Amino acid sequence: MCTLQAEDVDLNQGAIEETTLGICVVKHTDATDGPENIGIVLEGQVVLHGLDNVALAAAMLFGLMYALNLNYPPELKYSFEVLQKVVMELDGNTLSKKAQALKNRLHQ
């Protein structure tokens, strides 16, 4: 997830272009009532924006990944696996060794 300041437009665009897959939160520096915009980035492009909260963005990200038949990025493979199978309890019967170890630690 990337958190950006609304005032740094050029910096924001560069950060978005470098993002393979994620949730992007744009904030005003003086905002106290929450973010200005929450969106989803796929392959350096904002594909959804104007979402209400990060939880909705996470659910939409998983939906997009499923609908578009995308693989998890290799560097985030275990993070997404834990979110999907441990936190969201979707297909939790088949876990990698690392995810199973974390699940066992969380349930002790």
PDB file of N, CA and C in Angstrom:
ATOM      1  N   MET A   1       0.852  -1.163   0.000  1.00  0.00           N
ATOM      2  CA  MET A   1       0.000   0.000   0.000  1.00  0.00           C
ATOM      3  C   MET A   1       0.896   1.223   0.000  1.00  0.00           C
ATOM      4  N   CYS A   2       0.560   2.176  -0.834  1.00  0.00           N
ATOM      5  CA  CYS A   2       1.325   3.418  -0.840  1.00  0.00           C
ATOM      6  C   CYS A   2       0.436   4.554  -0.324  1.00  0.00           C
ATOM      7  N   THR A   3       1.019   5.413   0.489  1.00  0.00           N
ATOM      8  CA  THR A   3       0.332   6.589   0.994  1.00  0.00           C
ATOM      9  C   THR A   3       1.034   7.797   0.412  1.00  0.00           C
ATOM     10  N   LEU A   4       0.284   8.626  -0.289  1.00  0.00           N
ATOM     11  CA  LEU A   4       0.850   9.762  -0.996  1.00  0.00           C
ATOM     12  C   LEU A   4       0.211  11.055  -0.521  1.00  0.00           C
ATOM     13  N   GLN A   5       0.932  12.156  -0.695  1.00  0.00           N
ATOM     14  CA  GLN A   5       0.404  13.482  -0.375  1.00  0.00           C
ATOM     15  C   GLN A   5      -0.186  14.084  -1.650  1.00  0.00           C
ATOM     16  N   ALA A   6      -1.378  14.658  -1.570  1.00  0.00           N
ATOM     17  CA  ALA A   6      -2.082  15.182  -2.729  1.00  0.00           C
ATOM     18  C   ALA A   6      -1.302  16.302  -3.410  1.00  0.00           C
ATOM     19  N   GLU A   7      -0.486  17.021  -2.685  1.00  0.00           N
ATOM     20  CA  GLU A   7       0.217  18.167  -3.237  1.00  0.00           C
ATOM     21  C   GLU A   7       1.391  17.770  -4.126  1.00  0.00           C
ATOM     22  N   ASP A   8       1.958  16.577  -3.971  1.00  0.00           N
ATOM     23  CA  ASP A   8       3.126  16.124  -4.734  1.00  0.00           C
ATOM     24  C   ASP A   8       2.693  15.320  -5.958  1.00  0.00           C
ATOM     25  N   VAL A   9       2.126  15.987  -6.956  1.00  0.00           N
ATOM     26  CA  VAL A   9       1.535  15.300  -8.104  1.00  0.00           C
ATOM     27  C   VAL A   9       2.582  14.510  -8.887  1.00  0.00           C
ATOM     28  N   ASP A  10       3.742  15.119  -9.190  1.00  0.00           N
ATOM     29  CA  ASP A  10       4.778  14.417  -9.966  1.00  0.00           C
ATOM     30  C   ASP A  10       5.340  13.232  -9.199  1.00  0.00           C
ATOM     31  N   LEU A  11       5.599  13.420  -7.921  1.00  0.00           N
ATOM     32  CA  LEU A  11       6.107  12.345  -7.078  1.00  0.00           C
ATOM     33  C   LEU A  11       5.088  11.210  -6.987  1.00  0.00           C
ATOM     34  N   ASN A  12       3.811  11.566  -6.869  1.00  0.00           N
ATOM     35  CA  ASN A  12       2.748  10.560  -6.809  1.00  0.00           C
ATOM     36  C   ASN A  12       2.711   9.723  -8.074  1.00  0.00           C
ATOM     37  N   GLN A  13       2.784  10.373  -9.234  1.00  0.00           N
ATOM     38  CA  GLN A  13       2.723   9.643 -10.497  1.00  0.00           C
ATOM     39  C   GLN A  13       3.891   8.674 -10.618  1.00  0.00           C
ATOM     40  N   GLY A  14       5.079   9.090 -10.195  1.00  0.00           N
ATOM     41  CA  GLY A  14       6.242   8.203 -10.232  1.00  0.00           C
ATOM     42  C   GLY A  14       6.073   7.003  -9.325  1.00  0.00           C
ATOM     43  N   ALA A  15       5.534   7.227  -8.121  1.00  0.00           N
ATOM     44  CA  ALA A  15       5.317   6.123  -7.182  1.00  0.00           C
ATOM     45  C   ALA A  15       4.269   5.153  -7.715  1.00  0.00           C
ATOM     46  N   ILE A  16       3.247   5.669  -8.339  1.00  0.00           N
ATOM     47  CA  ILE A  16       2.200   4.808  -8.898  1.00  0.00           C
ATOM     48  C   ILE A  16       2.757   3.982 -10.047  1.00  0.00           C
ATOM     49  N   GLU A  17       3.561   4.597 -10.916  1.00  0.00           N
ATOM     50  CA  GLU A  17       4.130   3.873 -12.058  1.00  0.00           C
ATOM     51  C   GLU A  17       5.072   2.757 -11.622  1.00  0.00           C
ATOM     52  N   GLU A  18       5.684   2.885 -10.457  1.00  0.00           N
ATOM     53  CA  GLU A  18       6.595   1.857  -9.951  1.00  0.00           C
ATOM     54  C   GLU A  18       5.860   0.731  -9.225  1.00  0.00           C
ATOM     55  N   THR A  19       4.578   0.888  -8.975  1.00  0.00           N
ATOM     56  CA  THR A  19       3.810  -0.090  -8.216  1.00  0.00           C
ATOM     57  C   THR A  19       3.263  -1.165  -9.147  1.00  0.00           C
ATOM     58  N   THR A  20       3.547  -2.419  -8.832  1.00  0.00           N
ATOM     59  CA  THR A  20       3.035  -3.531  -9.626  1.00  0.00           C
ATOM     60  C   THR A  20       1.587  -3.830  -9.264  1.00  0.00           C
ATOM     61  N   LEU A  21       1.312  -3.873  -7.980  1.00  0.00           N
ATOM     62  CA  LEU A  21      -0.006  -4.255  -7.497  1.00  0.00           C
ATOM     63  C   LEU A  21      -0.184  -3.668  -6.112  1.00  0.00           C
ATOM     64  N   GLY A  22      -1.262  -2.944  -5.882  1.00  0.00           N
ATOM     65  CA  GLY A  22      -1.444  -2.414  -4.542  1.00  0.00           C
ATOM     66  C   GLY A  22      -2.600  -1.459  -4.396  1.00  0.00           C
ATOM     67  N   ILE A  23      -2.690  -0.936  -3.193  1.00  0.00           N
ATOM     68  CA  ILE A  23      -3.713   0.041  -2.820  1.00  0.00           C
ATOM     69  C   ILE A  23      -3.004   1.362  -2.609  1.00  0.00           C
ATOM     70  N   CYS A  24      -3.547   2.408  -3.178  1.00  0.00           N
ATOM     71  CA  CYS A  24      -2.940   3.724  -3.098  1.00  0.00           C
ATOM     72  C   CYS A  24      -3.872   4.664  -2.330  1.00  0.00           C
ATOM     73  N   VAL A  25      -3.328   5.321  -1.306  1.00  0.00           N
ATOM     74  CA  VAL A  25      -4.100   6.262  -0.496  1.00  0.00           C
ATOM     75  C   VAL A  25      -3.478   7.640  -0.668  1.00  0.00           C
ATOM     76  N   VAL A  26      -4.258   8.602  -1.168  1.00  0.00           N
ATOM     77  CA  VAL A  26      -3.790   9.968  -1.359  1.00  0.00           C
ATOM     78  C   VAL A  26      -4.425  10.831  -0.285  1.00  0.00           C
ATOM     79  N   LYS A  27      -3.573  11.583   0.448  1.00  0.00           N
ATOM     80  CA  LYS A  27      -4.052  12.425   1.547  1.00  0.00           C
ATOM     81  C   LYS A  27      -3.653  13.871   1.331  1.00  0.00           C
ATOM     82  N   HIS A  28      -4.445  14.769   1.882  1.00  0.00           N
ATOM     83  CA  HIS A  28      -4.038  16.170   1.994  1.00  0.00           C
ATOM     84  C   HIS A  28      -3.156  16.291   3.221  1.00  0.00           C
ATOM     85  N   THR A  29      -2.184  17.177   3.199  1.00  0.00           N
ATOM     86  CA  THR A  29      -1.305  17.320   4.360  1.00  0.00           C
ATOM     87  C   THR A  29      -2.042  17.860   5.568  1.00  0.00           C
ATOM     88  N   ASP A  30      -3.095  18.640   5.348  1.00  0.00           N
ATOM     89  CA  ASP A  30      -3.831  19.215   6.471  1.00  0.00           C
ATOM     90  C   ASP A  30      -5.152  18.503   6.752  1.00  0.00           C
ATOM     91  N   ALA A  31      -5.394  17.372   6.094  1.00  0.00           N
ATOM     92  CA  ALA A  31      -6.667  16.658   6.272  1.00  0.00           C
ATOM     93  C   ALA A  31      -6.687  15.899   7.595  1.00  0.00           C
ATOM     94  N   THR A  32      -7.740  16.103   8.343  1.00  0.00           N
ATOM     95  CA  THR A  32      -7.912  15.365   9.590  1.00  0.00           C
ATOM     96  C   THR A  32      -9.089  14.408   9.519  1.00  0.00           C
ATOM     97  N   ASP A  33      -9.907  14.539   8.483  1.00  0.00           N
ATOM     98  CA  ASP A  33     -11.102  13.710   8.376  1.00  0.00           C
ATOM     99  C   ASP A  33     -10.920  12.496   7.479  1.00  0.00           C
ATOM    100  N   GLY A  34      -9.700  12.186   7.082  1.00  0.00           N
ATOM    101  CA  GLY A  34      -9.465  10.982   6.296  1.00  0.00           C
ATOM    102  C   GLY A  34      -8.821  11.292   4.964  1.00  0.00           C
ATOM    103  N   PRO A  35      -8.599  10.260   4.163  1.00  0.00           N
ATOM    104  CA  PRO A  35      -7.913  10.432   2.885  1.00  0.00           C
ATOM    105  C   PRO A  35      -8.796  11.098   1.836  1.00  0.00           C
ATOM    106  N   GLU A  36      -8.144  11.710   0.863  1.00  0.00           N
ATOM    107  CA  GLU A  36      -8.852  12.327  -0.245  1.00  0.00           C
ATOM    108  C   GLU A  36      -9.341  11.280  -1.237  1.00  0.00           C
ATOM    109  N   ASN A  37      -8.471  10.293  -1.499  1.00  0.00           N
ATOM    110  CA  ASN A  37      -8.800   9.308  -2.508  1.00  0.00           C
ATOM    111  C   ASN A  37      -8.112   7.980  -2.184  1.00  0.00           C
ATOM    112  N   ILE A  38      -8.829   6.898  -2.359  1.00  0.00           N
ATOM    113  CA  ILE A  38      -8.281   5.551  -2.192  1.00  0.00           C
ATOM    114  C   ILE A  38      -8.529   4.816  -3.502  1.00  0.00           C
ATOM    115  N   GLY A  39      -7.475   4.194  -4.031  1.00  0.00           N
ATOM    116  CA  GLY A  39      -7.605   3.508  -5.302  1.00  0.00           C
ATOM    117  C   GLY A  39      -6.781   2.238  -5.358  1.00  0.00           C
ATOM    118  N   ILE A  40      -6.913   1.532  -6.479  1.00  0.00           N
ATOM    119  CA  ILE A  40      -6.185   0.290  -6.710  1.00  0.00           C
ATOM    120  C   ILE A  40      -5.278   0.481  -7.914  1.00  0.00           C
ATOM    121  N   VAL A  41      -4.032   0.038  -7.767  1.00  0.00           N
ATOM    122  CA  VAL A  41      -3.031   0.153  -8.823  1.00  0.00           C
ATOM    123  C   VAL A  41      -2.670  -1.243  -9.316  1.00  0.00           C
ATOM    124  N   LEU A  42      -2.729  -1.434 -10.625  1.00  0.00           N
ATOM    125  CA  LEU A  42      -2.281  -2.671 -11.275  1.00  0.00           C
ATOM    126  C   LEU A  42      -1.315  -2.291 -12.380  1.00  0.00           C
ATOM    127  N   GLU A  43      -0.120  -2.861 -12.342  1.00  0.00           N
ATOM    128  CA  GLU A  43       0.895  -2.635 -13.375  1.00  0.00           C
ATOM    129  C   GLU A  43       1.135  -1.145 -13.640  1.00  0.00           C
ATOM    130  N   GLY A  44       1.210  -0.352 -12.578  1.00  0.00           N
ATOM    131  CA  GLY A  44       1.542   1.057 -12.710  1.00  0.00           C
ATOM    132  C   GLY A  44       0.400   1.955 -13.147  1.00  0.00           C
ATOM    133  N   GLN A  45      -0.815   1.439 -13.192  1.00  0.00           N
ATOM    134  CA  GLN A  45      -1.985   2.212 -13.603  1.00  0.00           C
ATOM    135  C   GLN A  45      -3.054   2.151 -12.518  1.00  0.00           C
ATOM    136  N   VAL A  46      -3.668   3.290 -12.234  1.00  0.00           N
ATOM    137  CA  VAL A  46      -4.789   3.299 -11.293  1.00  0.00           C
ATOM    138  C   VAL A  46      -6.002   2.773 -12.043  1.00  0.00           C
ATOM    139  N   VAL A  47      -6.523   1.624 -11.617  1.00  0.00           N
ATOM    140  CA  VAL A  47      -7.655   1.000 -12.309  1.00  0.00           C
ATOM    141  C   VAL A  47      -8.980   1.273 -11.610  1.00  0.00           C
ATOM    142  N   LEU A  48      -8.954   1.548 -10.323  1.00  0.00           N
ATOM    143  CA  LEU A  48     -10.143   1.948  -9.572  1.00  0.00           C
ATOM    144  C   LEU A  48      -9.735   3.076  -8.637  1.00  0.00           C
ATOM    145  N   HIS A  49     -10.594   4.065  -8.478  1.00  0.00           N
ATOM    146  CA  HIS A  49     -10.305   5.145  -7.540  1.00  0.00           C
ATOM    147  C   HIS A  49     -11.616   5.636  -6.945  1.00  0.00           C
ATOM    148  N   GLY A  50     -11.513   6.437  -5.923  1.00  0.00           N
ATOM    149  CA  GLY A  50     -12.707   6.959  -5.270  1.00  0.00           C
ATOM    150  C   GLY A  50     -13.380   5.959  -4.345  1.00  0.00           C
ATOM    151  N   LEU A  51     -12.631   4.960  -3.880  1.00  0.00           N
ATOM    152  CA  LEU A  51     -13.207   3.968  -2.967  1.00  0.00           C
ATOM    153  C   LEU A  51     -13.343   4.571  -1.574  1.00  0.00           C
ATOM    154  N   ASP A  52     -14.287   4.070  -0.798  1.00  0.00           N
ATOM    155  CA  ASP A  52     -14.613   4.657   0.501  1.00  0.00           C
ATOM    156  C   ASP A  52     -13.573   4.400   1.582  1.00  0.00           C
ATOM    157  N   ASN A  53     -12.980   3.193   1.590  1.00  0.00           N
ATOM    158  CA  ASN A  53     -12.036   2.865   2.662  1.00  0.00           C
ATOM    159  C   ASN A  53     -11.067   1.790   2.188  1.00  0.00           C
ATOM    160  N   VAL A  54     -10.040   1.560   2.984  1.00  0.00           N
ATOM    161  CA  VAL A  54      -8.988   0.613   2.614  1.00  0.00           C
ATOM    162  C   VAL A  54      -9.514  -0.825   2.630  1.00  0.00           C
ATOM    163  N   ALA A  55     -10.422  -1.144   3.529  1.00  0.00           N
ATOM    164  CA  ALA A  55     -10.973  -2.499   3.578  1.00  0.00           C
ATOM    165  C   ALA A  55     -11.721  -2.826   2.278  1.00  0.00           C
ATOM    166  N   LEU A  56     -12.503  -1.879   1.789  1.00  0.00           N
ATOM    167  CA  LEU A  56     -13.199  -2.071   0.514  1.00  0.00           C
ATOM    168  C   LEU A  56     -12.182  -2.198  -0.616  1.00  0.00           C
ATOM    169  N   ALA A  57     -11.135  -1.397  -0.579  1.00  0.00           N
ATOM    170  CA  ALA A  57     -10.095  -1.469  -1.610  1.00  0.00           C
ATOM    171  C   ALA A  57      -9.420  -2.833  -1.602  1.00  0.00           C
ATOM    172  N   ALA A  58      -9.155  -3.389  -0.421  1.00  0.00           N
ATOM    173  CA  ALA A  58      -8.532  -4.713  -0.331  1.00  0.00           C
ATOM    174  C   ALA A  58      -9.447  -5.784  -0.924  1.00  0.00           C
ATOM    175  N   ALA A  59     -10.729  -5.712  -0.610  1.00  0.00           N
ATOM    176  CA  ALA A  59     -11.687  -6.679  -1.163  1.00  0.00           C
ATOM    177  C   ALA A  59     -11.781  -6.540  -2.681  1.00  0.00           C
ATOM    178  N   MET A  60     -11.796  -5.308  -3.164  1.00  0.00           N
ATOM    179  CA  MET A  60     -11.856  -5.082  -4.607  1.00  0.00           C
ATOM    180  C   MET A  60     -10.575  -5.555  -5.296  1.00  0.00           C
ATOM    181  N   LEU A  61      -9.431  -5.382  -4.634  1.00  0.00           N
ATOM    182  CA  LEU A  61      -8.164  -5.848  -5.187  1.00  0.00           C
ATOM    183  C   LEU A  61      -8.180  -7.361  -5.358  1.00  0.00           C
ATOM    184  N   PHE A  62      -8.656  -8.087  -4.343  1.00  0.00           N
ATOM    185  CA  PHE A  62      -8.748  -9.545  -4.461  1.00  0.00           C
ATOM    186  C   PHE A  62      -9.730  -9.933  -5.562  1.00  0.00           C
ATOM    187  N   GLY A  63     -10.825  -9.203  -5.676  1.00  0.00           N
ATOM    188  CA  GLY A  63     -11.796  -9.475  -6.741  1.00  0.00           C
ATOM    189  C   GLY A  63     -11.203  -9.260  -8.125  1.00  0.00           C
ATOM    190  N   LEU A  64     -10.460  -8.182  -8.290  1.00  0.00           N
ATOM    191  CA  LEU A  64      -9.805  -7.922  -9.573  1.00  0.00           C
ATOM    192  C   LEU A  64      -8.767  -8.991  -9.900  1.00  0.00           C
ATOM    193  N   MET A  65      -8.001  -9.373  -8.897  1.00  0.00           N
ATOM    194  CA  MET A  65      -6.992 -10.401  -9.130  1.00  0.00           C
ATOM    195  C   MET A  65      -7.639 -11.717  -9.559  1.00  0.00           C
ATOM    196  N   TYR A  66      -8.765 -12.037  -8.956  1.00  0.00           N
ATOM    197  CA  TYR A  66      -9.481 -13.266  -9.315  1.00  0.00           C
ATOM    198  C   TYR A  66     -10.079 -13.149 -10.716  1.00  0.00           C
ATOM    199  N   ALA A  67     -10.772 -12.025 -10.985  1.00  0.00           N
ATOM    200  CA  ALA A  67     -11.450 -11.845 -12.269  1.00  0.00           C
ATOM    201  C   ALA A  67     -10.466 -11.773 -13.439  1.00  0.00           C
ATOM    202  N   LEU A  68      -9.306 -11.158 -13.205  1.00  0.00           N
ATOM    203  CA  LEU A  68      -8.309 -11.021 -14.261  1.00  0.00           C
ATOM    204  C   LEU A  68      -7.307 -12.168 -14.284  1.00  0.00           C
ATOM    205  N   ASN A  69      -7.476 -13.113 -13.370  1.00  0.00           N
ATOM    206  CA  ASN A  69      -6.613 -14.292 -13.266  1.00  0.00           C
ATOM    207  C   ASN A  69      -5.141 -13.894 -13.113  1.00  0.00           C
ATOM    208  N   LEU A  70      -4.886 -12.970 -12.188  1.00  0.00           N
ATOM    209  CA  LEU A  70      -3.525 -12.494 -11.936  1.00  0.00           C
ATOM    210  C   LEU A  70      -2.866 -13.325 -10.846  1.00  0.00           C
ATOM    211  N   ASN A  71      -1.575 -13.541 -10.982  1.00  0.00           N
ATOM    212  CA  ASN A  71      -0.792 -14.198  -9.939  1.00  0.00           C
ATOM    213  C   ASN A  71      -0.330 -13.148  -8.942  1.00  0.00           C
ATOM    214  N   TYR A  72      -0.099 -13.587  -7.715  1.00  0.00           N
ATOM    215  CA  TYR A  72       0.475 -12.682  -6.734  1.00  0.00           C
ATOM    216  C   TYR A  72       1.891 -12.321  -7.158  1.00  0.00           C
ATOM    217  N   PRO A  73       2.311 -11.071  -6.949  1.00  0.00           N
ATOM    218  CA  PRO A  73       3.713 -10.735  -7.232  1.00  0.00           C
ATOM    219  C   PRO A  73       4.624 -11.589  -6.349  1.00  0.00           C
ATOM    220  N   PRO A  74       5.737 -12.088  -6.883  1.00  0.00           N
ATOM    221  CA  PRO A  74       6.610 -12.993  -6.114  1.00  0.00           C
ATOM    222  C   PRO A  74       7.051 -12.413  -4.775  1.00  0.00           C
ATOM    223  N   GLU A  75       7.331 -11.116  -4.731  1.00  0.00           N
ATOM    224  CA  GLU A  75       7.800 -10.525  -3.479  1.00  0.00           C
ATOM    225  C   GLU A  75       6.685 -10.350  -2.451  1.00  0.00           C
ATOM    226  N   LEU A  76       5.435 -10.466  -2.859  1.00  0.00           N
ATOM    227  CA  LEU A  76       4.295 -10.327  -1.940  1.00  0.00           C
ATOM    228  C   LEU A  76       3.469 -11.602  -1.838  1.00  0.00           C
ATOM    229  N   LYS A  77       3.992 -12.698  -2.359  1.00  0.00           N
ATOM    230  CA  LYS A  77       3.248 -13.951  -2.424  1.00  0.00           C
ATOM    231  C   LYS A  77       2.702 -14.388  -1.059  1.00  0.00           C
ATOM    232  N   TYR A  78       3.570 -14.394  -0.057  1.00  0.00           N
ATOM    233  CA  TYR A  78       3.153 -14.884   1.257  1.00  0.00           C
ATOM    234  C   TYR A  78       2.228 -13.891   1.960  1.00  0.00           C
ATOM    235  N   SER A  79       2.418 -12.613   1.739  1.00  0.00           N
ATOM    236  CA  SER A  79       1.522 -11.606   2.328  1.00  0.00           C
ATOM    237  C   SER A  79       0.103 -11.792   1.817  1.00  0.00           C
ATOM    238  N   PHE A  80      -0.034 -11.928   0.499  1.00  0.00           N
ATOM    239  CA  PHE A  80      -1.360 -12.117  -0.067  1.00  0.00           C
ATOM    240  C   PHE A  80      -1.955 -13.467   0.327  1.00  0.00           C
ATOM    241  N   GLU A  81      -1.115 -14.485   0.417  1.00  0.00           N
ATOM    242  CA  GLU A  81      -1.613 -15.797   0.823  1.00  0.00           C
ATOM    243  C   GLU A  81      -2.181 -15.748   2.240  1.00  0.00           C
ATOM    244  N   VAL A  82      -1.482 -15.086   3.153  1.00  0.00           N
ATOM    245  CA  VAL A  82      -1.963 -14.977   4.531  1.00  0.00           C
ATOM    246  C   VAL A  82      -3.249 -14.169   4.574  1.00  0.00           C
ATOM    247  N   LEU A  83      -3.313 -13.065   3.837  1.00  0.00           N
ATOM    248  CA  LEU A  83      -4.556 -12.275   3.808  1.00  0.00           C
ATOM    249  C   LEU A  83      -5.722 -13.113   3.310  1.00  0.00           C
ATOM    250  N   GLN A  84      -5.507 -13.822   2.209  1.00  0.00           N
ATOM    251  CA  GLN A  84      -6.585 -14.600   1.614  1.00  0.00           C
ATOM    252  C   GLN A  84      -6.979 -15.804   2.460  1.00  0.00           C
ATOM    253  N   LYS A  85      -6.011 -16.578   2.873  1.00  0.00           N
ATOM    254  CA  LYS A  85      -6.321 -17.875   3.463  1.00  0.00           C
ATOM    255  C   LYS A  85      -6.432 -17.872   4.976  1.00  0.00           C
ATOM    256  N   VAL A  86      -5.732 -16.965   5.656  1.00  0.00           N
ATOM    257  CA  VAL A  86      -5.784 -16.926   7.115  1.00  0.00           C
ATOM    258  C   VAL A  86      -6.751 -15.846   7.594  1.00  0.00           C
ATOM    259  N   VAL A  87      -6.572 -14.631   7.095  1.00  0.00           N
ATOM    260  CA  VAL A  87      -7.411 -13.521   7.562  1.00  0.00           C
ATOM    261  C   VAL A  87      -8.834 -13.627   7.007  1.00  0.00           C
ATOM    262  N   MET A  88      -8.944 -13.819   5.674  1.00  0.00           N
ATOM    263  CA  MET A  88     -10.269 -13.870   5.053  1.00  0.00           C
ATOM    264  C   MET A  88     -10.876 -15.268   5.088  1.00  0.00           C
ATOM    265  N   GLU A  89     -10.091 -16.273   5.489  1.00  0.00           N
ATOM    266  CA  GLU A  89     -10.519 -17.666   5.608  1.00  0.00           C
ATOM    267  C   GLU A  89     -11.110 -18.224   4.312  1.00  0.00           C
ATOM    268  N   LEU A  90     -10.453 -17.918   3.188  1.00  0.00           N
ATOM    269  CA  LEU A  90     -10.853 -18.449   1.893  1.00  0.00           C
ATOM    270  C   LEU A  90      -9.848 -19.512   1.475  1.00  0.00           C
ATOM    271  N   ASP A  91     -10.285 -20.730   1.295  1.00  0.00           N
ATOM    272  CA  ASP A  91      -9.424 -21.841   0.894  1.00  0.00           C
ATOM    273  C   ASP A  91      -8.255 -22.002   1.861  1.00  0.00           C
ATOM    274  N   GLY A  92      -8.563 -22.018   3.141  1.00  0.00           N
ATOM    275  CA  GLY A  92      -7.530 -22.098   4.166  1.00  0.00           C
ATOM    276  C   GLY A  92      -6.969 -23.475   4.417  1.00  0.00           C
ATOM    277  N   ASN A  93      -7.419 -24.469   3.686  1.00  0.00           N
ATOM    278  CA  ASN A  93      -6.942 -25.835   3.909  1.00  0.00           C
ATOM    279  C   ASN A  93      -5.582 -26.096   3.284  1.00  0.00           C
ATOM    280  N   THR A  94      -5.238 -25.366   2.236  1.00  0.00           N
ATOM    281  CA  THR A  94      -3.963 -25.579   1.549  1.00  0.00           C
ATOM    282  C   THR A  94      -3.072 -24.362   1.758  1.00  0.00           C
ATOM    283  N   LEU A  95      -2.185 -24.444   2.739  1.00  0.00           N
ATOM    284  CA  LEU A  95      -1.285 -23.344   3.055  1.00  0.00           C
ATOM    285  C   LEU A  95       0.159 -23.740   2.788  1.00  0.00           C
ATOM    286  N   SER A  96       0.962 -22.740   2.426  1.00  0.00           N
ATOM    287  CA  SER A  96       2.400 -22.989   2.330  1.00  0.00           C
ATOM    288  C   SER A  96       2.951 -23.180   3.741  1.00  0.00           C
ATOM    289  N   LYS A  97       4.164 -23.671   3.841  1.00  0.00           N
ATOM    290  CA  LYS A  97       4.758 -23.905   5.161  1.00  0.00           C
ATOM    291  C   LYS A  97       4.885 -22.614   5.952  1.00  0.00           C
ATOM    292  N   LYS A  98       5.264 -21.522   5.285  1.00  0.00           N
ATOM    293  CA  LYS A  98       5.422 -20.236   5.974  1.00  0.00           C
ATOM    294  C   LYS A  98       4.073 -19.717   6.476  1.00  0.00           C
ATOM    295  N   ALA A  99       3.050 -19.806   5.646  1.00  0.00           N
ATOM    296  CA  ALA A  99       1.723 -19.340   6.052  1.00  0.00           C
ATOM    297  C   ALA A  99       1.159 -20.220   7.167  1.00  0.00           C
ATOM    298  N   GLN A 100       1.383 -21.528   7.087  1.00  0.00           N
ATOM    299  CA  GLN A 100       0.910 -22.437   8.129  1.00  0.00           C
ATOM    300  C   GLN A 100       1.587 -22.137   9.456  1.00  0.00           C
ATOM    301  N   ALA A 101       2.890 -21.857   9.427  1.00  0.00           N
ATOM    302  CA  ALA A 101       3.612 -21.518  10.659  1.00  0.00           C
ATOM    303  C   ALA A 101       3.052 -20.245  11.289  1.00  0.00           C
ATOM    304  N   LEU A 102       2.759 -19.245  10.471  1.00  0.00           N
ATOM    305  CA  LEU A 102       2.181 -18.008  10.996  1.00  0.00           C
ATOM    306  C   LEU A 102       0.784 -18.248  11.558  1.00  0.00           C
ATOM    307  N   LYS A 103      -0.012 -19.034  10.867  1.00  0.00           N
ATOM    308  CA  LYS A 103      -1.351 -19.346  11.349  1.00  0.00           C
ATOM    309  C   LYS A 103      -1.292 -20.071  12.694  1.00  0.00           C
ATOM    310  N   ASN A 104      -0.379 -21.006  12.830  1.00  0.00           N
ATOM    311  CA  ASN A 104      -0.222 -21.717  14.095  1.00  0.00           C
ATOM    312  C   ASN A 104       0.183 -20.763  15.218  1.00  0.00           C
ATOM    313  N   ARG A 105       1.082 -19.848  14.926  1.00  0.00           N
ATOM    314  CA  ARG A 105       1.495 -18.864  15.940  1.00  0.00           C
ATOM    315  C   ARG A 105       0.344 -17.942  16.326  1.00  0.00           C
ATOM    316  N   LEU A 106      -0.459 -17.545  15.353  1.00  0.00           N
ATOM    317  CA  LEU A 106      -1.577 -16.640  15.649  1.00  0.00           C
ATOM    318  C   LEU A 106      -2.654 -17.313  16.474  1.00  0.00           C
ATOM    319  N   HIS A 107      -2.826 -18.615  16.334  1.00  0.00           N
ATOM    320  CA  HIS A 107      -3.888 -19.327  17.034  1.00  0.00           C
ATOM    321  C   HIS A 107      -3.434 -19.976  18.342  1.00  0.00           C
ATOM    322  N   GLN A 108      -2.232 -19.669  18.799  1.00  0.00           N
ATOM    323  CA  GLN A 108      -1.767 -20.221  20.086  1.00  0.00           C
ATOM    324  C   GLN A 108      -2.321 -19.411  21.227  1.00  0.00           C
TER     325      GLN A 108
END
